Amino acid sequence: MITKQYKYNAPIGEVWKALVDPQVIKEWSGSPAIMDDQVGTEFSLWGGDIYGKNTEVIPEKKLVQDWYGGKWDKPSKVTFELSTRCGKTTINFSQTDVPEDEVTDIDAGWDDYYFGPMQDVLEN
């Protein structure tokens, strides 16, 4: 399992949009995205390298997704839980069922390709 916590100097509504709005996702990821904030939506990120389905959505609080990458036999479960305090937003993140031989790369990838670029867009 991968667990992380990220803090953003941005309102919770803006952080939520960075997770679910395809235009904002394109801004921080550099690639077109198919995404929204509805349960059952089949999403695609990075030109389809990552894809899956939204399984639980509580706007501005929680997003749970099934993620597939490469030739995975089953999805990994990704959970983003948001909270806010004094205008700053925290994301508590977890990912379970990650293929063992990919844990190190995927763990680093969240920082390098997802949460880090997202922070650059949100805070600049």
N, C-alpha and C. Protein backbone atom coordinates (compact mmCIF):
# COMPACT_ATOMS: atom_id res chain seq x y z
N MET A 1 0.84 -1.18 0.00
CA MET A 1 0.00 0.00 0.00
C MET A 1 0.88 1.24 0.00
N ILE A 2 0.42 2.25 -0.74
CA ILE A 2 1.09 3.55 -0.77
C ILE A 2 0.20 4.54 -0.04
N THR A 3 0.77 5.27 0.91
CA THR A 3 0.01 6.34 1.58
C THR A 3 0.86 7.60 1.57
N LYS A 4 0.17 8.71 1.38
CA LYS A 4 0.85 10.01 1.33
C LYS A 4 -0.08 11.08 1.86
N GLN A 5 0.51 12.20 2.24
CA GLN A 5 -0.27 13.37 2.62
C GLN A 5 0.35 14.57 1.91
N TYR A 6 -0.52 15.35 1.31
CA TYR A 6 -0.09 16.55 0.60
C TYR A 6 -0.85 17.74 1.14
N LYS A 7 -0.16 18.86 1.29
CA LYS A 7 -0.79 20.10 1.77
C LYS A 7 -0.63 21.16 0.68
N TYR A 8 -1.75 21.83 0.41
CA TYR A 8 -1.77 22.85 -0.64
C TYR A 8 -2.21 24.18 -0.06
N ASN A 9 -1.54 25.23 -0.47
CA ASN A 9 -1.93 26.58 -0.08
C ASN A 9 -2.97 27.05 -1.10
N ALA A 10 -4.13 26.39 -1.08
CA ALA A 10 -5.20 26.66 -2.03
C ALA A 10 -6.53 26.23 -1.40
N PRO A 11 -7.62 26.89 -1.79
CA PRO A 11 -8.94 26.50 -1.26
C PRO A 11 -9.34 25.10 -1.71
N ILE A 12 -10.14 24.45 -0.89
CA ILE A 12 -10.54 23.06 -1.17
C ILE A 12 -11.25 22.93 -2.52
N GLY A 13 -12.03 23.93 -2.90
CA GLY A 13 -12.72 23.87 -4.19
C GLY A 13 -11.77 23.83 -5.37
N GLU A 14 -10.67 24.56 -5.27
CA GLU A 14 -9.68 24.56 -6.34
C GLU A 14 -8.92 23.24 -6.39
N VAL A 15 -8.62 22.68 -5.23
CA VAL A 15 -7.93 21.38 -5.18
C VAL A 15 -8.85 20.30 -5.74
N TRP A 16 -10.12 20.35 -5.38
CA TRP A 16 -11.08 19.37 -5.91
C TRP A 16 -11.12 19.45 -7.44
N LYS A 17 -11.20 20.65 -7.98
CA LYS A 17 -11.22 20.81 -9.43
C LYS A 17 -9.97 20.23 -10.08
N ALA A 18 -8.84 20.34 -9.41
CA ALA A 18 -7.60 19.79 -9.94
C ALA A 18 -7.63 18.26 -10.02
N LEU A 19 -8.53 17.65 -9.25
CA LEU A 19 -8.69 16.19 -9.29
C LEU A 19 -9.72 15.74 -10.31
N VAL A 20 -10.74 16.56 -10.58
CA VAL A 20 -11.88 16.08 -11.37
C VAL A 20 -12.21 16.88 -12.63
N ASP A 21 -11.64 18.06 -12.81
CA ASP A 21 -11.96 18.90 -13.97
C ASP A 21 -10.93 18.63 -15.07
N PRO A 22 -11.36 18.12 -16.23
CA PRO A 22 -10.40 17.76 -17.28
C PRO A 22 -9.53 18.93 -17.74
N GLN A 23 -10.07 20.15 -17.74
CA GLN A 23 -9.26 21.29 -18.17
C GLN A 23 -8.13 21.58 -17.18
N VAL A 24 -8.43 21.49 -15.87
CA VAL A 24 -7.39 21.73 -14.86
C VAL A 24 -6.39 20.57 -14.87
N ILE A 25 -6.88 19.35 -15.04
CA ILE A 25 -5.97 18.19 -15.10
C ILE A 25 -5.01 18.35 -16.28
N LYS A 26 -5.53 18.79 -17.42
CA LYS A 26 -4.66 19.00 -18.59
C LYS A 26 -3.60 20.04 -18.29
N GLU A 27 -3.98 21.07 -17.52
CA GLU A 27 -3.04 22.14 -17.18
C GLU A 27 -1.85 21.60 -16.38
N TRP A 28 -2.13 20.75 -15.37
CA TRP A 28 -1.01 20.26 -14.55
C TRP A 28 -0.35 19.00 -15.10
N SER A 29 -1.09 18.20 -15.89
CA SER A 29 -0.51 16.94 -16.38
C SER A 29 0.15 17.08 -17.75
N GLY A 30 -0.28 18.12 -18.50
CA GLY A 30 0.26 18.30 -19.84
C GLY A 30 -0.38 17.40 -20.88
N SER A 31 -1.42 16.66 -20.48
CA SER A 31 -2.10 15.73 -21.40
C SER A 31 -3.61 15.86 -21.27
N PRO A 32 -4.33 15.60 -22.37
CA PRO A 32 -5.79 15.60 -22.28
C PRO A 32 -6.26 14.55 -21.28
N ALA A 33 -7.39 14.83 -20.64
CA ALA A 33 -7.95 13.91 -19.64
C ALA A 33 -9.45 13.75 -19.87
N ILE A 34 -9.93 12.58 -19.57
CA ILE A 34 -11.37 12.34 -19.49
C ILE A 34 -11.65 12.09 -18.01
N MET A 35 -12.43 12.98 -17.40
CA MET A 35 -12.68 12.88 -15.95
C MET A 35 -13.87 13.75 -15.60
N ASP A 36 -14.59 13.40 -14.56
CA ASP A 36 -15.58 14.27 -13.94
C ASP A 36 -15.79 13.82 -12.50
N ASP A 37 -16.80 14.36 -11.86
CA ASP A 37 -17.03 14.05 -10.45
C ASP A 37 -18.28 13.22 -10.23
N GLN A 38 -18.54 12.28 -11.15
CA GLN A 38 -19.71 11.43 -11.05
C GLN A 38 -19.30 9.97 -10.80
N VAL A 39 -20.05 9.29 -9.92
CA VAL A 39 -19.82 7.87 -9.69
C VAL A 39 -20.11 7.12 -11.00
N GLY A 40 -19.24 6.19 -11.34
CA GLY A 40 -19.41 5.39 -12.54
C GLY A 40 -18.70 5.93 -13.76
N THR A 41 -18.20 7.15 -13.69
CA THR A 41 -17.47 7.70 -14.83
C THR A 41 -16.22 6.88 -15.11
N GLU A 42 -16.02 6.53 -16.37
CA GLU A 42 -14.79 5.87 -16.79
C GLU A 42 -13.83 6.96 -17.23
N PHE A 43 -12.70 7.05 -16.55
CA PHE A 43 -11.75 8.13 -16.81
C PHE A 43 -10.52 7.62 -17.53
N SER A 44 -9.77 8.58 -18.07
CA SER A 44 -8.53 8.29 -18.78
C SER A 44 -7.57 9.46 -18.54
N LEU A 45 -6.32 9.14 -18.18
CA LEU A 45 -5.29 10.14 -17.95
C LEU A 45 -4.05 9.78 -18.77
N TRP A 46 -3.26 10.80 -19.11
CA TRP A 46 -2.01 10.60 -19.85
C TRP A 46 -2.23 9.76 -21.11
N GLY A 47 -3.21 10.18 -21.90
CA GLY A 47 -3.45 9.51 -23.18
C GLY A 47 -3.87 8.07 -23.04
N GLY A 48 -4.47 7.72 -21.91
CA GLY A 48 -4.95 6.36 -21.70
C GLY A 48 -3.96 5.45 -21.01
N ASP A 49 -2.76 5.97 -20.65
CA ASP A 49 -1.80 5.15 -19.92
C ASP A 49 -2.37 4.73 -18.57
N ILE A 50 -3.17 5.61 -17.97
CA ILE A 50 -3.89 5.31 -16.73
C ILE A 50 -5.37 5.46 -17.04
N TYR A 51 -6.16 4.50 -16.60
CA TYR A 51 -7.60 4.58 -16.84
C TYR A 51 -8.32 3.83 -15.72
N GLY A 52 -9.60 4.06 -15.61
CA GLY A 52 -10.36 3.38 -14.56
C GLY A 52 -11.75 3.95 -14.42
N LYS A 53 -12.26 3.88 -13.18
CA LYS A 53 -13.64 4.28 -12.92
C LYS A 53 -13.75 4.92 -11.55
N ASN A 54 -14.57 5.98 -11.48
CA ASN A 54 -14.91 6.59 -10.19
C ASN A 54 -15.89 5.66 -9.47
N THR A 55 -15.55 5.25 -8.25
CA THR A 55 -16.42 4.34 -7.51
C THR A 55 -17.11 4.99 -6.32
N GLU A 56 -16.57 6.11 -5.83
CA GLU A 56 -17.22 6.86 -4.75
C GLU A 56 -16.84 8.33 -4.89
N VAL A 57 -17.84 9.20 -4.82
CA VAL A 57 -17.59 10.63 -4.94
C VAL A 57 -18.40 11.37 -3.90
N ILE A 58 -17.71 12.10 -3.04
CA ILE A 58 -18.33 13.04 -2.11
C ILE A 58 -17.66 14.38 -2.41
N PRO A 59 -18.35 15.27 -3.17
CA PRO A 59 -17.69 16.49 -3.64
C PRO A 59 -16.94 17.25 -2.55
N GLU A 60 -15.71 17.61 -2.90
CA GLU A 60 -14.80 18.36 -2.05
C GLU A 60 -14.43 17.65 -0.75
N LYS A 61 -14.71 16.34 -0.69
CA LYS A 61 -14.35 15.56 0.50
C LYS A 61 -13.61 14.27 0.16
N LYS A 62 -14.16 13.48 -0.78
CA LYS A 62 -13.58 12.16 -1.02
C LYS A 62 -13.81 11.72 -2.47
N LEU A 63 -12.76 11.14 -3.04
CA LEU A 63 -12.83 10.56 -4.38
C LEU A 63 -12.14 9.21 -4.31
N VAL A 64 -12.87 8.15 -4.69
CA VAL A 64 -12.31 6.81 -4.72
C VAL A 64 -12.42 6.30 -6.15
N GLN A 65 -11.32 5.74 -6.64
CA GLN A 65 -11.26 5.29 -8.02
C GLN A 65 -10.61 3.93 -8.13
N ASP A 66 -11.04 3.15 -9.12
CA ASP A 66 -10.32 1.96 -9.55
C ASP A 66 -9.37 2.41 -10.65
N TRP A 67 -8.08 2.12 -10.50
CA TRP A 67 -7.05 2.53 -11.46
C TRP A 67 -6.44 1.30 -12.13
N TYR A 68 -6.22 1.43 -13.43
CA TYR A 68 -5.49 0.42 -14.20
C TYR A 68 -4.31 1.10 -14.88
N GLY A 69 -3.22 0.39 -14.98
CA GLY A 69 -2.06 0.87 -15.72
C GLY A 69 -1.36 -0.34 -16.32
N GLY A 70 -0.82 -0.17 -17.51
CA GLY A 70 -0.12 -1.28 -18.14
C GLY A 70 -1.04 -2.47 -18.35
N LYS A 71 -0.57 -3.64 -17.99
CA LYS A 71 -1.34 -4.88 -18.19
C LYS A 71 -1.79 -5.47 -16.86
N TRP A 72 -2.25 -4.60 -15.96
CA TRP A 72 -2.70 -5.08 -14.65
C TRP A 72 -3.92 -5.98 -14.80
N ASP A 73 -3.91 -7.10 -14.06
CA ASP A 73 -5.04 -8.03 -14.08
C ASP A 73 -6.24 -7.48 -13.34
N LYS A 74 -5.97 -6.72 -12.29
CA LYS A 74 -7.06 -6.13 -11.50
C LYS A 74 -6.68 -4.69 -11.16
N PRO A 75 -7.69 -3.88 -10.85
CA PRO A 75 -7.38 -2.48 -10.57
C PRO A 75 -6.74 -2.30 -9.20
N SER A 76 -6.03 -1.19 -9.06
CA SER A 76 -5.64 -0.77 -7.72
C SER A 76 -6.70 0.24 -7.27
N LYS A 77 -6.88 0.36 -5.99
CA LYS A 77 -7.87 1.27 -5.41
C LYS A 77 -7.16 2.52 -4.95
N VAL A 78 -7.59 3.67 -5.48
CA VAL A 78 -6.99 4.96 -5.16
C VAL A 78 -8.02 5.79 -4.40
N THR A 79 -7.60 6.36 -3.27
CA THR A 79 -8.51 7.17 -2.45
C THR A 79 -7.86 8.52 -2.15
N PHE A 80 -8.60 9.58 -2.46
CA PHE A 80 -8.20 10.95 -2.12
C PHE A 80 -9.21 11.46 -1.10
N GLU A 81 -8.74 11.84 0.10
CA GLU A 81 -9.62 12.42 1.11
C GLU A 81 -9.13 13.84 1.38
N LEU A 82 -10.04 14.81 1.22
CA LEU A 82 -9.69 16.21 1.34
C LEU A 82 -10.23 16.80 2.63
N SER A 83 -9.45 17.70 3.21
CA SER A 83 -9.90 18.48 4.36
C SER A 83 -9.29 19.87 4.24
N THR A 84 -9.87 20.82 4.95
CA THR A 84 -9.39 22.19 4.86
C THR A 84 -9.27 22.81 6.23
N ARG A 85 -8.32 23.73 6.33
CA ARG A 85 -8.12 24.47 7.56
C ARG A 85 -7.42 25.78 7.22
N CYS A 86 -8.01 26.86 7.61
CA CYS A 86 -7.42 28.19 7.40
C CYS A 86 -7.08 28.45 5.93
N GLY A 87 -7.95 28.02 5.03
CA GLY A 87 -7.74 28.27 3.61
C GLY A 87 -6.74 27.36 2.94
N LYS A 88 -6.19 26.42 3.68
CA LYS A 88 -5.24 25.46 3.11
C LYS A 88 -5.93 24.09 3.04
N THR A 89 -5.55 23.30 2.06
CA THR A 89 -6.20 22.02 1.83
C THR A 89 -5.20 20.89 1.99
N THR A 90 -5.63 19.83 2.66
CA THR A 90 -4.82 18.63 2.82
C THR A 90 -5.49 17.49 2.05
N ILE A 91 -4.68 16.72 1.33
CA ILE A 91 -5.15 15.49 0.71
C ILE A 91 -4.46 14.34 1.42
N ASN A 92 -5.25 13.44 2.00
CA ASN A 92 -4.73 12.18 2.50
C ASN A 92 -5.00 11.17 1.39
N PHE A 93 -3.95 10.55 0.92
CA PHE A 93 -4.00 9.71 -0.26
C PHE A 93 -3.59 8.28 0.09
N SER A 94 -4.26 7.31 -0.51
CA SER A 94 -3.83 5.92 -0.39
C SER A 94 -4.08 5.19 -1.70
N GLN A 95 -3.24 4.20 -1.95
CA GLN A 95 -3.41 3.32 -3.11
C GLN A 95 -3.11 1.90 -2.67
N THR A 96 -4.06 1.02 -2.86
CA THR A 96 -3.90 -0.38 -2.49
C THR A 96 -3.89 -1.25 -3.75
N ASP A 97 -3.50 -2.49 -3.58
CA ASP A 97 -3.45 -3.47 -4.68
C ASP A 97 -2.55 -3.01 -5.82
N VAL A 98 -1.39 -2.46 -5.46
CA VAL A 98 -0.40 -2.05 -6.45
C VAL A 98 0.47 -3.28 -6.75
N PRO A 99 0.71 -3.59 -8.02
CA PRO A 99 1.60 -4.72 -8.32
C PRO A 99 2.94 -4.54 -7.60
N GLU A 100 3.38 -5.59 -6.91
CA GLU A 100 4.58 -5.50 -6.06
C GLU A 100 5.81 -4.97 -6.79
N ASP A 101 5.98 -5.40 -8.02
CA ASP A 101 7.18 -4.99 -8.75
C ASP A 101 7.10 -3.55 -9.27
N GLU A 102 5.98 -2.86 -9.03
CA GLU A 102 5.83 -1.49 -9.49
C GLU A 102 5.66 -0.48 -8.36
N VAL A 103 5.65 -0.93 -7.10
CA VAL A 103 5.37 -0.04 -5.97
C VAL A 103 6.34 1.14 -5.92
N THR A 104 7.64 0.90 -6.03
CA THR A 104 8.63 1.98 -5.92
C THR A 104 8.42 3.03 -6.99
N ASP A 105 8.26 2.60 -8.25
CA ASP A 105 8.07 3.54 -9.36
C ASP A 105 6.75 4.30 -9.23
N ILE A 106 5.70 3.61 -8.86
CA ILE A 106 4.39 4.27 -8.74
C ILE A 106 4.41 5.25 -7.58
N ASP A 107 5.02 4.88 -6.47
CA ASP A 107 5.12 5.78 -5.32
C ASP A 107 5.80 7.09 -5.74
N ALA A 108 6.93 6.99 -6.42
CA ALA A 108 7.64 8.19 -6.88
C ALA A 108 6.83 8.94 -7.93
N GLY A 109 6.12 8.21 -8.76
CA GLY A 109 5.32 8.83 -9.81
C GLY A 109 4.25 9.76 -9.28
N TRP A 110 3.65 9.41 -8.14
CA TRP A 110 2.64 10.31 -7.55
C TRP A 110 3.25 11.67 -7.25
N ASP A 111 4.47 11.69 -6.73
CA ASP A 111 5.13 12.97 -6.42
C ASP A 111 5.54 13.70 -7.71
N ASP A 112 6.15 12.96 -8.63
CA ASP A 112 6.76 13.57 -9.81
C ASP A 112 5.77 13.98 -10.89
N TYR A 113 4.70 13.19 -11.06
CA TYR A 113 3.81 13.40 -12.20
C TYR A 113 2.39 13.81 -11.82
N TYR A 114 2.03 13.71 -10.56
CA TYR A 114 0.65 13.99 -10.17
C TYR A 114 0.59 15.12 -9.16
N PHE A 115 0.92 14.82 -7.92
CA PHE A 115 0.75 15.82 -6.86
C PHE A 115 1.73 16.99 -6.95
N GLY A 116 2.96 16.75 -7.38
CA GLY A 116 3.92 17.84 -7.53
C GLY A 116 3.49 18.84 -8.60
N PRO A 117 3.21 18.38 -9.84
CA PRO A 117 2.74 19.31 -10.87
C PRO A 117 1.42 19.98 -10.50
N MET A 118 0.54 19.25 -9.81
CA MET A 118 -0.72 19.82 -9.38
C MET A 118 -0.46 20.98 -8.42
N GLN A 119 0.49 20.80 -7.52
CA GLN A 119 0.84 21.87 -6.58
C GLN A 119 1.40 23.08 -7.32
N ASP A 120 2.22 22.85 -8.33
CA ASP A 120 2.78 23.96 -9.10
C ASP A 120 1.67 24.81 -9.72
N VAL A 121 0.65 24.16 -10.26
CA VAL A 121 -0.46 24.89 -10.89
C VAL A 121 -1.32 25.59 -9.83
N LEU A 122 -1.61 24.91 -8.74
CA LEU A 122 -2.49 25.47 -7.72
C LEU A 122 -1.87 26.64 -6.96
N GLU A 123 -0.56 26.62 -6.80
CA GLU A 123 0.07 27.62 -5.95
C GLU A 123 0.82 28.70 -6.74
N ASN A 124 0.75 28.67 -8.06
CA ASN A 124 1.43 29.70 -8.87
C ASN A 124 0.45 30.46 -9.74
